Protein backbone atom coordinates (compact mmCIF):
# COMPACT_ATOMS: atom_id res chain seq x y z
CA UNK A 1 -11.84 -11.83 11.70
CA UNK A 2 -8.95 -9.55 12.85
CA UNK A 3 -7.14 -7.61 10.12
CA UNK A 4 -3.98 -5.64 10.87
CA UNK A 5 -3.50 -2.26 9.12
CA UNK A 6 -1.16 0.68 9.33
CA UNK A 7 -3.24 3.53 10.75
CA UNK A 8 -6.65 3.59 12.38
CA UNK A 9 -10.35 3.32 11.71
CA UNK A 10 -11.24 5.64 8.82
CA UNK A 11 -7.90 5.53 7.07
CA UNK A 12 -7.37 4.41 3.48
CA UNK A 13 -5.93 1.23 4.83
CA UNK A 14 -9.23 0.66 6.65
CA UNK A 15 -11.09 1.27 3.46
CA UNK A 16 -8.99 -1.18 1.53
CA UNK A 17 -9.38 -3.87 4.18
CA UNK A 18 -13.18 -3.51 4.17
CA UNK A 19 -13.24 -3.54 0.33
CA UNK A 20 -11.60 -6.90 0.34
CA UNK A 21 -13.03 -8.52 3.44
CA UNK A 22 -16.39 -6.72 3.86
CA UNK A 23 -17.64 -4.64 6.81
CA UNK A 24 -17.79 -7.39 9.44
CA UNK A 25 -14.11 -7.31 10.36
CA UNK A 26 -12.15 -6.21 13.44
CA UNK A 27 -9.44 -3.77 12.60
CA UNK A 28 -6.14 -4.08 14.40
CA UNK A 29 -4.69 -0.56 14.39
CA UNK A 30 -0.86 -0.40 14.06
CA UNK A 31 1.39 2.69 14.14
CA UNK A 32 3.87 1.30 11.55
CA UNK A 33 4.31 -1.35 8.96
CA UNK A 34 6.62 -3.46 11.07
CA UNK A 35 3.88 -3.50 13.73
CA UNK A 36 1.44 -4.69 11.15
CA UNK A 37 3.52 -7.84 10.36
CA UNK A 38 4.36 -8.30 14.04
CA UNK A 39 0.70 -8.36 14.86
CA UNK A 40 0.07 -11.23 12.51
CA UNK A 41 3.07 -13.12 13.94
CA UNK A 42 1.96 -12.69 17.50
CA UNK A 43 -1.62 -13.80 16.70
CA UNK A 44 -3.12 -10.40 17.52
CA UNK A 45 -4.32 -10.31 13.84
CA UNK A 46 -5.19 -13.10 11.41
CA UNK A 47 -4.64 -11.15 8.13
CA UNK A 48 -2.99 -8.02 7.09
CA UNK A 49 -3.51 -5.26 4.42
CA UNK A 50 -0.51 -3.12 3.57
CA UNK A 51 0.00 -0.36 1.02
CA UNK A 52 2.62 -1.36 -1.59
CA UNK A 53 2.65 1.50 -4.07
CA UNK A 54 1.13 4.79 -4.94
CA UNK A 55 0.52 5.81 -8.60
CA UNK A 56 1.99 9.27 -7.97
CA UNK A 57 4.59 8.71 -5.30
CA UNK A 58 5.92 5.26 -6.18
CA UNK A 59 6.78 2.15 -4.16
CA UNK A 60 6.86 1.75 -0.37
CA UNK A 61 10.22 -0.04 -0.15
CA UNK A 62 9.78 -1.08 3.55
CA UNK A 63 6.73 -3.14 2.72
CA UNK A 64 8.63 -5.07 0.02
CA UNK A 65 11.31 -5.99 2.59
CA UNK A 66 8.75 -6.98 5.22
CA UNK A 67 6.79 -9.23 2.85
CA UNK A 68 9.96 -11.12 2.10
CA UNK A 69 11.22 -11.23 5.60
CA UNK A 70 7.94 -12.60 7.09
CA UNK A 71 6.91 -14.70 4.08
CA UNK A 72 3.12 -14.22 4.52
CA UNK A 73 1.60 -15.21 1.14
CA UNK A 74 0.13 -12.47 -0.97
CA UNK A 75 -3.46 -13.57 -1.63
CA UNK A 76 -4.69 -10.49 -3.45
CA UNK A 77 -4.48 -6.81 -4.29
CA UNK A 78 -6.82 -3.83 -3.70
CA UNK A 79 -6.48 -0.80 -5.86
CA UNK A 80 -8.01 2.10 -4.12
CA UNK A 81 -8.83 5.48 -5.82
CA UNK A 82 -7.49 8.13 -3.34
CA UNK A 83 -9.58 11.35 -3.04
CA UNK A 84 -8.75 13.83 -0.22
CA UNK A 85 -11.34 16.05 1.48
CA UNK A 86 -10.93 19.18 3.59
CA UNK A 87 -12.77 18.53 6.84
CA UNK A 88 -13.10 21.24 9.43
CA UNK A 89 -14.62 22.22 12.74
CA UNK A 90 -17.61 24.37 11.66
CA UNK A 91 -18.13 28.02 12.41
CA UNK A 92 -14.50 29.17 12.28
CA UNK A 93 -12.00 30.47 9.69
CA UNK A 94 -9.48 27.71 8.94
CA UNK A 95 -6.04 28.58 10.48
CA UNK A 96 -4.42 25.14 11.00
CA UNK A 97 -4.66 22.11 8.76
CA UNK A 98 -3.62 18.66 10.11
CA UNK A 99 -2.83 15.54 8.01
CA UNK A 100 -0.31 12.93 7.05
CA UNK A 101 2.63 14.44 5.23
CA UNK A 102 1.81 12.59 1.99
CA UNK A 103 -1.82 13.83 2.10
CA UNK A 104 -0.54 17.42 2.61
CA UNK A 105 1.83 17.07 -0.41
CA UNK A 106 -0.98 15.54 -2.47
CA UNK A 107 -3.12 18.62 -1.85
CA UNK A 108 -0.45 21.29 -1.96
CA UNK A 109 -1.81 23.15 -5.05
CA UNK A 110 -5.22 23.64 -3.45
CA UNK A 111 -3.79 24.64 -0.09
CA UNK A 112 -1.41 27.20 -1.67
CA UNK A 113 -4.25 28.77 -3.61
CA UNK A 114 -7.12 28.62 -0.98
CA UNK A 115 -5.30 28.65 2.36
CA UNK A 116 -1.80 30.10 1.94
CA UNK A 117 -1.64 31.45 5.45
CA UNK A 118 -2.99 28.46 7.23
CA UNK A 119 -0.43 26.40 9.24
CA UNK A 120 0.15 22.80 8.07
CA UNK A 121 0.74 20.31 10.73
CA UNK A 122 1.96 16.73 10.04
CA UNK A 123 0.42 13.83 11.95
CA UNK A 124 0.81 10.10 11.66
CA UNK A 125 -2.49 9.32 10.08
CA UNK A 126 -5.23 11.07 7.96
CA UNK A 127 -8.11 9.57 9.97
CA UNK A 128 -6.28 10.33 13.13
CA UNK A 129 -6.25 13.94 12.06
CA UNK A 130 -10.09 13.92 11.82
CA UNK A 131 -10.56 12.10 15.09
CA UNK A 132 -8.23 14.80 16.69
CA UNK A 133 -10.11 17.81 15.61
CA UNK A 134 -13.42 16.06 16.22
CA UNK A 135 -12.44 15.42 19.84
CA UNK A 136 -10.62 18.80 20.57
CA UNK A 137 -13.13 21.03 18.52
CA UNK A 138 -10.04 23.36 18.18
CA UNK A 139 -11.36 26.66 16.61
CA UNK A 140 -9.88 27.08 13.12
CA UNK A 141 -8.70 23.45 12.91
CA UNK A 142 -9.18 21.35 9.76
CA UNK A 143 -7.98 17.95 8.55
CA UNK A 144 -7.35 16.39 5.15
CA UNK A 145 -8.59 12.85 4.89
CA UNK A 146 -11.18 10.59 3.10
CA UNK A 147 -14.91 11.04 3.01
CA UNK A 148 -15.14 7.88 4.89
CA UNK A 149 -13.26 9.39 7.80
CA UNK A 150 -15.36 12.44 7.80
CA UNK A 151 -18.51 10.26 7.94
CA UNK A 152 -17.01 8.02 10.68
CA UNK A 153 -16.49 11.05 12.97
CA UNK A 154 -19.54 12.99 11.73
CA UNK A 155 -17.50 16.02 10.58
CA UNK A 156 -18.43 18.18 7.71
CA UNK A 157 -16.53 18.36 4.44
CA UNK A 158 -15.61 21.90 3.51
CA UNK A 159 -14.11 21.11 0.07
CA UNK A 160 -14.19 17.90 -1.90
CA UNK A 161 -11.58 16.06 -3.96
CA UNK A 162 -8.76 18.65 -3.25
CA UNK A 163 -5.90 16.41 -4.43
CA UNK A 164 -3.52 17.89 -7.05
CA UNK A 165 -4.07 14.94 -9.47
CA UNK A 166 -7.33 12.93 -9.64
CA UNK A 167 -5.56 9.95 -11.05
CA UNK A 168 -4.27 9.03 -7.60
CA UNK A 169 -4.36 5.36 -6.68
CA UNK A 170 -2.77 3.24 -4.03
CA UNK A 171 -2.16 -0.49 -4.49
CA UNK A 172 -2.60 -2.55 -1.23
CA UNK A 173 -1.45 -6.08 -0.72
CA UNK A 174 -3.71 -8.60 1.12
CA UNK A 175 -1.61 -10.97 3.19
CA UNK A 176 -2.76 -14.28 4.80
CA UNK A 177 -0.39 -16.70 6.66
CA UNK A 178 -2.76 -19.52 5.75
CA UNK A 179 -3.41 -18.42 2.19
CA UNK A 180 -3.56 -20.98 -0.55
CA UNK A 181 -3.22 -20.62 -4.37
CA UNK A 182 -6.60 -20.61 -6.06
CA UNK A 183 -7.12 -22.64 -9.17
CA UNK A 184 -7.82 -19.50 -11.30
CA UNK A 185 -4.86 -17.57 -10.09
CA UNK A 186 -3.53 -15.33 -12.78
CA UNK A 187 -0.82 -13.01 -11.19
CA UNK A 188 2.20 -13.70 -9.13
CA UNK A 189 4.75 -11.66 -7.10
CA UNK A 190 8.41 -12.93 -7.03
CA UNK A 191 11.71 -11.85 -5.68
CA UNK A 192 14.63 -12.82 -7.81
CA UNK A 193 18.38 -12.63 -7.15
CA UNK A 194 20.29 -12.90 -10.48
CA UNK A 195 23.78 -14.10 -10.94
CA UNK A 196 26.38 -11.35 -11.02
CA UNK A 197 26.99 -11.72 -14.73
CA UNK A 198 26.63 -9.06 -17.53
CA UNK A 199 23.10 -9.06 -18.83
CA UNK A 200 21.66 -11.60 -16.35
CA UNK A 201 18.63 -9.54 -15.50
CA UNK A 202 17.91 -8.92 -19.21
CA UNK A 203 18.10 -12.71 -19.84
CA UNK A 204 15.68 -13.30 -17.00
CA UNK A 205 13.21 -10.91 -18.44
CA UNK A 206 13.72 -12.37 -21.87
CA UNK A 207 12.48 -15.75 -20.61
CA UNK A 208 9.22 -14.25 -19.54
CA UNK A 209 8.90 -12.22 -22.79
CA UNK A 210 9.46 -15.32 -24.84
CA UNK A 211 6.67 -17.19 -23.00
CA UNK A 212 4.34 -14.24 -23.70
CA UNK A 213 4.12 -13.35 -19.97
CA UNK A 214 3.49 -9.76 -19.16
CA UNK A 215 5.60 -8.03 -16.60
CA UNK A 216 3.44 -5.67 -14.51
CA UNK A 217 6.17 -4.38 -12.21
CA UNK A 218 9.90 -4.49 -11.73
CA UNK A 219 11.50 -3.04 -8.56
CA UNK A 220 15.18 -3.35 -7.38
CA UNK A 221 16.22 -3.54 -3.70
CA UNK A 222 19.75 -3.49 -2.35
CA UNK A 223 21.01 -6.66 -0.75
CA UNK A 224 22.13 -5.86 2.85
CA UNK A 225 25.74 -6.61 3.40
CA UNK A 226 26.57 -6.74 -0.35
CA UNK A 227 27.06 -3.11 -1.49
CA UNK A 228 25.79 -2.47 -5.03
CA UNK A 229 24.19 -5.87 -5.39
CA UNK A 230 20.44 -6.09 -5.87
CA UNK A 231 17.52 -8.38 -5.82
CA UNK A 232 14.48 -7.76 -7.95
CA UNK A 233 10.74 -7.86 -7.21
CA UNK A 234 8.67 -8.84 -10.16
CA UNK A 235 4.87 -8.95 -10.68
CA UNK A 236 4.03 -11.06 -13.50
CA UNK A 237 0.64 -11.83 -15.10
CA UNK A 238 0.66 -15.55 -14.84
CA UNK A 239 0.42 -18.29 -12.19
CA UNK A 240 0.26 -22.05 -11.77
CA UNK A 241 1.92 -24.36 -14.34
CA UNK A 242 2.84 -21.54 -16.64
CA UNK A 243 4.56 -19.69 -13.86
CA UNK A 244 6.49 -22.89 -12.83
CA UNK A 245 7.65 -23.40 -16.39
CA UNK A 246 8.96 -19.84 -16.44
CA UNK A 247 10.76 -20.40 -13.09
CA UNK A 248 12.53 -23.43 -14.49
CA UNK A 249 13.64 -21.25 -17.39
CA UNK A 250 15.23 -18.64 -15.18
CA UNK A 251 16.74 -21.11 -12.72
CA UNK A 252 20.20 -21.15 -14.48
CA UNK A 253 20.28 -17.33 -14.46
CA UNK A 254 19.56 -16.84 -10.77
CA UNK A 255 20.93 -17.61 -7.24
CA UNK A 256 17.62 -17.44 -5.58
CA UNK A 257 13.92 -17.12 -6.46
CA UNK A 258 11.04 -16.82 -3.99
CA UNK A 259 7.33 -16.75 -4.86
CA UNK A 260 5.65 -14.27 -2.52
CA UNK A 261 2.19 -15.14 -3.73
CA UNK A 262 0.01 -16.44 -6.53
CA UNK A 263 -3.54 -14.90 -6.61
CA UNK A 264 -6.43 -13.72 -8.73
CA UNK A 265 -5.85 -10.25 -10.00
CA UNK A 266 -9.19 -8.52 -9.31
CA UNK A 267 -8.50 -5.03 -8.09
């Protein structure tokens, strides 16, 4: 099975894909999220795993837009606890630290305290940073990445769990063009465009509330070509017939509703 991810072997995307599908998969490495979706469209990959949200840094808006654009059903979520490690070429004082800009920001407190004079170099991928220093053996070079990446490239971890906040989770979506709705589905992701009337969004949310349906996420995105008009992504804790009754209830309040996926919530 070929699974497209943003990043390369050893990345957090790689971990999430293997957590969902198991170890016996072929990872299709992509440099960007648009490339991930294009890989599935071209047939280079059969499935995709894409980060949607980080508990500290918020939503990845580009992924929302791509999920709607391509229409690949969401078949599940993976919630990954993100822990960053300092990985270095042994035998040298650390003078340069490579990593993805988000990872560098997540470890800023540790770096400021322990390595205030070391240069920080942004690279496209955390695992790529480890691969780079593993191949170059650059004296004084270090990388910030996962323990999985360190193990993959047989590089020593100098300091463990150096992130600013240990409550650091990333939510990944699992996408499958041939995905079907399981009988025990209990979560759905929707995109809703409300009518441009006062209180229309509030009334949509009230329909779900009156039915006792929990709203796990609400995210607004601008509608291209219509300044100051928005569509809304909703994650609701229901699926199947109950969801369909709710959709009937909001139909008079909306101009468009798309169901992006119904699946079992089992992070």
